[in-house]
Protein backbone atom coordinates (compact mmCIF):
# COMPACT_ATOMS: atom_id res chain seq x y z
CA UNK A 1 -120.05 -37.66 -122.64
CA UNK A 2 -120.26 -40.11 -119.73
CA UNK A 3 -121.10 -37.26 -117.36
CA UNK A 4 -123.90 -36.06 -119.65
CA UNK A 5 -125.31 -39.58 -119.94
CA UNK A 6 -125.23 -39.97 -116.15
CA UNK A 7 -127.08 -36.66 -115.65
CA UNK A 8 -129.75 -37.65 -118.17
CA UNK A 9 -130.25 -41.02 -116.50
CA UNK A 10 -130.46 -39.37 -113.10
CA UNK A 11 -133.15 -36.99 -114.35
CA UNK A 12 -135.21 -39.98 -115.41
CA UNK A 13 -135.42 -41.15 -111.81
CA UNK A 14 -135.81 -37.81 -110.04
CA UNK A 15 -139.38 -38.74 -109.17
CA UNK A 16 -141.41 -41.90 -108.77
CA UNK A 17 -143.66 -43.11 -111.57
CA UNK A 18 -146.31 -45.76 -111.48
CA UNK A 19 -145.84 -49.03 -113.28
CA UNK A 20 -148.14 -50.78 -115.69
CA UNK A 21 -148.65 -54.48 -115.19
CA UNK A 22 -149.61 -56.96 -117.87
CA UNK A 23 -151.26 -59.98 -116.23
CA UNK A 24 -151.79 -63.16 -118.24
CA UNK A 25 -154.30 -65.71 -116.96
CA UNK A 26 -154.55 -69.43 -117.72
CA UNK A 27 -157.46 -68.90 -120.11
CA UNK A 28 -155.15 -66.67 -122.22
CA UNK A 29 -156.97 -63.55 -121.05
CA UNK A 30 -154.62 -60.59 -120.64
CA UNK A 31 -155.33 -57.73 -118.25
CA UNK A 32 -153.44 -54.41 -118.21
CA UNK A 33 -153.48 -53.09 -114.67
CA UNK A 34 -152.07 -50.12 -112.74
CA UNK A 35 -151.22 -52.22 -109.68
CA UNK A 36 -151.51 -55.70 -108.24
CA UNK A 37 -153.28 -56.59 -105.03
CA UNK A 38 -153.19 -60.11 -103.64
CA UNK A 39 -155.35 -61.15 -100.71
CA UNK A 40 -155.70 -64.63 -99.23
CA UNK A 41 -154.01 -66.20 -102.22
CA UNK A 42 -156.23 -64.47 -104.76
CA UNK A 43 -155.48 -61.69 -107.24
CA UNK A 44 -158.00 -58.85 -107.20
CA UNK A 45 -159.34 -57.62 -110.56
CA UNK A 46 -160.96 -54.34 -109.50
CA UNK A 47 -162.22 -53.40 -112.98
CA UNK A 48 -164.37 -56.54 -113.02
CA UNK A 49 -164.92 -56.77 -109.27
CA UNK A 50 -163.54 -60.31 -109.38
CA UNK A 51 -160.92 -62.37 -107.61
CA UNK A 52 -158.73 -64.94 -109.32
CA UNK A 53 -156.74 -67.66 -107.53
CA UNK A 54 -153.00 -67.10 -107.97
CA UNK A 55 -152.79 -70.62 -109.41
CA UNK A 56 -154.66 -69.29 -112.45
CA UNK A 57 -152.17 -66.48 -113.05
CA UNK A 58 -149.58 -67.41 -115.69
CA UNK A 59 -147.39 -64.31 -115.38
CA UNK A 60 -147.17 -60.64 -114.40
CA UNK A 61 -144.90 -58.27 -116.33
CA UNK A 62 -144.08 -54.81 -114.98
CA UNK A 63 -143.13 -51.84 -117.16
CA UNK A 64 -142.13 -48.41 -115.83
CA UNK A 65 -142.80 -45.60 -118.26
CA UNK A 66 -139.54 -44.19 -119.62
CA UNK A 67 -137.52 -46.43 -117.33
CA UNK A 68 -136.64 -49.83 -118.81
CA UNK A 69 -134.88 -52.27 -116.55
CA UNK A 70 -131.66 -51.88 -118.54
CA UNK A 71 -131.48 -48.25 -117.39
CA UNK A 72 -132.14 -49.34 -113.83
CA UNK A 73 -129.15 -51.70 -114.04
CA UNK A 74 -126.95 -48.94 -115.45
CA UNK A 75 -127.91 -46.65 -112.58
CA UNK A 76 -127.13 -49.43 -110.12
CA UNK A 77 -123.66 -49.92 -111.62
CA UNK A 78 -123.09 -46.16 -111.46
CA UNK A 79 -124.14 -46.08 -107.82
CA UNK A 80 -127.35 -44.05 -108.14
CA UNK A 81 -129.08 -46.15 -105.50
CA UNK A 82 -131.28 -43.30 -104.29
CA UNK A 83 -132.64 -42.86 -107.82
CA UNK A 84 -133.58 -46.53 -108.05
CA UNK A 85 -135.26 -46.47 -104.64
CA UNK A 86 -137.26 -43.35 -105.52
CA UNK A 87 -138.45 -44.99 -108.69
CA UNK A 88 -139.36 -48.41 -107.29
CA UNK A 89 -140.26 -47.92 -103.62
CA UNK A 90 -143.75 -46.63 -104.43
CA UNK A 91 -144.47 -49.84 -106.34
CA UNK A 92 -143.00 -52.17 -103.74
CA UNK A 93 -146.39 -53.49 -102.58
CA UNK A 94 -147.44 -54.22 -106.15
CA UNK A 95 -144.13 -55.87 -106.96
CA UNK A 96 -144.35 -57.92 -103.78
CA UNK A 97 -147.81 -59.11 -104.77
CA UNK A 98 -146.19 -60.68 -107.83
CA UNK A 99 -143.07 -61.92 -106.05
CA UNK A 100 -144.08 -65.57 -106.26
CA UNK A 101 -145.44 -65.33 -109.81
CA UNK A 102 -143.69 -65.86 -113.11
CA UNK A 103 -142.66 -62.64 -114.80
CA UNK A 104 -140.16 -59.87 -114.13
CA UNK A 105 -141.15 -58.76 -110.62
CA UNK A 106 -138.13 -60.56 -109.19
CA UNK A 107 -135.80 -58.64 -111.51
CA UNK A 108 -137.11 -55.30 -110.20
CA UNK A 109 -137.19 -56.46 -106.57
CA UNK A 110 -133.62 -57.73 -106.81
CA UNK A 111 -132.47 -54.28 -107.91
CA UNK A 112 -134.55 -52.56 -105.22
CA UNK A 113 -133.20 -54.80 -102.47
CA UNK A 114 -129.59 -54.42 -103.57
CA UNK A 115 -130.00 -50.64 -103.91
CA UNK A 116 -131.35 -50.46 -100.37
CA UNK A 117 -128.39 -52.47 -99.12
CA UNK A 118 -125.73 -50.57 -101.08
CA UNK A 119 -127.22 -47.21 -100.04
CA UNK A 120 -126.80 -48.18 -96.39
CA UNK A 121 -130.50 -48.43 -95.58
CA UNK A 122 -130.10 -51.77 -93.87
CA UNK A 123 -133.46 -51.66 -92.10
CA UNK A 124 -135.22 -51.27 -95.47
CA UNK A 125 -133.13 -54.05 -96.98
CA UNK A 126 -134.03 -56.41 -94.14
CA UNK A 127 -137.70 -55.43 -94.45
CA UNK A 128 -137.71 -56.21 -98.17
CA UNK A 129 -135.97 -59.52 -97.53
CA UNK A 130 -138.55 -60.47 -94.89
CA UNK A 131 -141.40 -59.52 -97.25
CA UNK A 132 -139.92 -61.76 -99.94
CA UNK A 133 -139.69 -64.61 -97.45
CA UNK A 134 -143.29 -64.10 -96.33
CA UNK A 135 -144.43 -64.01 -99.96
CA UNK A 136 -142.70 -67.33 -100.62
CA UNK A 137 -140.55 -65.80 -103.34
CA UNK A 138 -137.59 -67.84 -104.64
CA UNK A 139 -135.69 -64.55 -104.54
CA UNK A 140 -135.63 -64.72 -100.73
CA UNK A 141 -132.73 -67.18 -100.89
CA UNK A 142 -130.58 -64.58 -102.63
CA UNK A 143 -131.09 -62.04 -99.84
CA UNK A 144 -129.52 -64.18 -97.10
CA UNK A 145 -125.87 -63.08 -97.55
CA UNK A 146 -126.92 -59.44 -97.73
CA UNK A 147 -128.97 -59.81 -94.54
CA UNK A 148 -125.90 -61.21 -92.80
CA UNK A 149 -123.85 -58.27 -94.04
CA UNK A 150 -126.43 -55.80 -92.72
CA UNK A 151 -125.86 -57.29 -89.27
CA UNK A 152 -122.11 -56.85 -89.68
CA UNK A 153 -122.60 -53.27 -90.84
CA UNK A 154 -124.69 -52.64 -87.73
CA UNK A 155 -121.87 -54.18 -85.63
CA UNK A 156 -124.11 -57.06 -84.57
CA UNK A 157 -121.25 -59.50 -85.04
CA UNK A 158 -122.53 -62.29 -82.79
CA UNK A 159 -125.86 -62.32 -84.63
CA UNK A 160 -124.10 -62.21 -87.99
CA UNK A 161 -121.87 -65.15 -87.02
CA UNK A 162 -124.86 -67.17 -85.86
CA UNK A 163 -126.80 -66.37 -89.04
CA UNK A 164 -123.79 -67.31 -91.19
CA UNK A 165 -123.42 -70.64 -89.41
CA UNK A 166 -127.14 -71.33 -89.83
CA UNK A 167 -126.93 -70.47 -93.54
CA UNK A 168 -124.32 -73.22 -94.09
CA UNK A 169 -123.36 -71.91 -97.52
CA UNK A 170 -121.57 -73.85 -100.18
CA UNK A 171 -118.33 -72.25 -101.34
CA UNK A 172 -119.22 -69.05 -103.15
CA UNK A 173 -118.12 -65.46 -103.63
CA UNK A 174 -120.73 -64.28 -101.12
CA UNK A 175 -119.53 -66.76 -98.50
CA UNK A 176 -115.88 -65.74 -98.94
CA UNK A 177 -116.78 -62.06 -98.67
CA UNK A 178 -118.71 -62.63 -95.46
CA UNK A 179 -115.86 -64.71 -94.03
CA UNK A 180 -113.53 -61.83 -94.81
CA UNK A 181 -115.83 -59.33 -93.09
CA UNK A 182 -116.18 -61.54 -90.01
CA UNK A 183 -112.42 -62.07 -89.84
CA UNK A 184 -111.90 -58.32 -90.12
CA UNK A 185 -114.46 -57.70 -87.37
CA UNK A 186 -112.50 -60.12 -85.21
CA UNK A 187 -109.27 -58.21 -85.82
CA UNK A 188 -107.72 -60.84 -88.09
CA UNK A 189 -106.58 -58.79 -91.08
CA UNK A 190 -104.40 -61.57 -92.50
CA UNK A 191 -107.26 -64.07 -92.56
CA UNK A 192 -109.56 -61.48 -94.11
CA UNK A 193 -107.05 -60.91 -96.92
CA UNK A 194 -106.80 -64.66 -97.49
CA UNK A 195 -110.56 -64.91 -98.00
CA UNK A 196 -110.52 -61.92 -100.35
CA UNK A 197 -107.67 -63.44 -102.34
CA UNK A 198 -109.62 -66.68 -102.67
CA UNK A 199 -112.69 -64.76 -103.83
CA UNK A 200 -110.68 -62.94 -106.49
CA UNK A 201 -108.98 -66.13 -107.67
CA UNK A 202 -112.02 -68.39 -107.94
CA UNK A 203 -114.96 -66.01 -108.42
CA UNK A 204 -113.50 -63.30 -110.66
CA UNK A 205 -116.67 -63.22 -112.78
CA UNK A 206 -118.96 -62.37 -109.86
CA UNK A 207 -119.90 -58.77 -110.68
CA UNK A 208 -121.75 -58.24 -107.40
CA UNK A 209 -118.91 -59.37 -105.14
CA UNK A 210 -115.58 -58.83 -106.90
CA UNK A 211 -115.46 -55.00 -106.92
CA UNK A 212 -116.36 -54.67 -103.22
CA UNK A 213 -113.80 -57.39 -102.47
CA UNK A 214 -111.05 -55.41 -104.20
CA UNK A 215 -112.17 -52.25 -102.42
CA UNK A 216 -112.22 -53.97 -99.03
CA UNK A 217 -108.76 -55.33 -99.72
CA UNK A 218 -107.60 -51.78 -100.40
CA UNK A 219 -109.21 -50.59 -97.16
CA UNK A 220 -107.32 -53.24 -95.19
CA UNK A 221 -104.05 -52.21 -96.82
CA UNK A 222 -104.90 -48.59 -96.03
CA UNK A 223 -105.57 -49.43 -92.39
CA UNK A 224 -102.32 -51.36 -92.03
CA UNK A 225 -100.23 -48.63 -93.69
CA UNK A 226 -99.47 -50.55 -96.90
CA UNK A 227 -100.02 -47.53 -99.10
CA UNK A 228 -98.51 -49.03 -102.25
CA UNK A 229 -100.84 -52.03 -102.10
CA UNK A 230 -103.82 -49.75 -101.39
CA UNK A 231 -102.93 -47.65 -104.43
CA UNK A 232 -102.69 -50.77 -106.58
CA UNK A 233 -106.19 -51.84 -105.45
CA UNK A 234 -107.43 -48.37 -106.40
CA UNK A 235 -105.85 -48.70 -109.84
CA UNK A 236 -107.53 -52.08 -110.35
CA UNK A 237 -110.93 -50.62 -109.52
CA UNK A 238 -110.44 -47.72 -111.92
CA UNK A 239 -109.07 -49.89 -114.73
CA UNK A 240 -111.47 -52.82 -114.58
CA UNK A 241 -114.69 -50.96 -113.69
CA UNK A 242 -114.45 -47.50 -115.31
CA UNK A 243 -117.51 -45.35 -114.72
CA UNK A 244 -118.67 -47.73 -112.00
CA UNK A 245 -119.41 -46.67 -108.42
CA UNK A 246 -116.38 -48.68 -107.27
CA UNK A 247 -114.02 -46.87 -109.64
CA UNK A 248 -115.22 -43.61 -108.10
CA UNK A 249 -114.74 -44.95 -104.59
CA UNK A 250 -111.19 -45.88 -105.56
CA UNK A 251 -110.33 -42.22 -104.98
CA UNK A 252 -110.77 -42.85 -101.26
CA UNK A 253 -107.86 -45.27 -101.35
CA UNK A 254 -105.68 -42.92 -103.41
CA UNK A 255 -106.38 -40.00 -101.10
CA UNK A 256 -105.51 -42.15 -98.11
CA UNK A 257 -102.12 -42.89 -99.66
CA UNK A 258 -101.35 -39.19 -100.05
CA UNK A 259 -102.49 -38.35 -96.53
CA UNK A 260 -100.54 -41.20 -94.96
CA UNK A 261 -97.47 -40.31 -97.02
CA UNK A 262 -97.63 -36.72 -95.82
CA UNK A 263 -97.87 -37.79 -92.20
CA UNK A 264 -94.68 -39.85 -92.31
């Protein structure tokens, strides 16, 4: 049943579809539009050949036909990042135009940005983050830890370290995960495991950081030949997040145990 549901959801995102945008103005006028265009701080209303200052826009709500945001979140949890990108990338400019407005644009952009990051398209993720910053979106603050991680993924460790120091984060799951990645990049496996243990102990409700932390822990155990501990991390991923992308990736840790066992 889960496999059938996943296939049906994937079919929904096999191609891009345009969004409809409901724009509410201060005078209680509502406009249904196919896209948003903002220029010099003014929203264009092409049907009326008018421009409205953004200060007069109360909200902008996006709706994708046959693709509610709940389904987008399900696909994200299942790891169908490419499907999300195909669906949303064509509307990125329109979503960005509403990035600083009230409404649900930030919800969609958050999923797009995270999908770009999780899919490994770090250049696209950094581009989206920069666009959010230029647009003055409050969401830009949330992209900082991911931007640092894109530098680590690209092996730009010195830049990542400098960016992390400039960020000066309060204690958080994201900060502990980045500390673990930086420690690992520096060859300090023990310190990396300490940061991951702290993340799991104090931030066990952080859905965006806990599963990758458990997976990274398993990878470290795999690398250091602790096959039993790696297998336990795999079991945790499968048990706690069934049907999630991380439970599927757990197989990588289990396979590593078998391969290492055979080589002994």
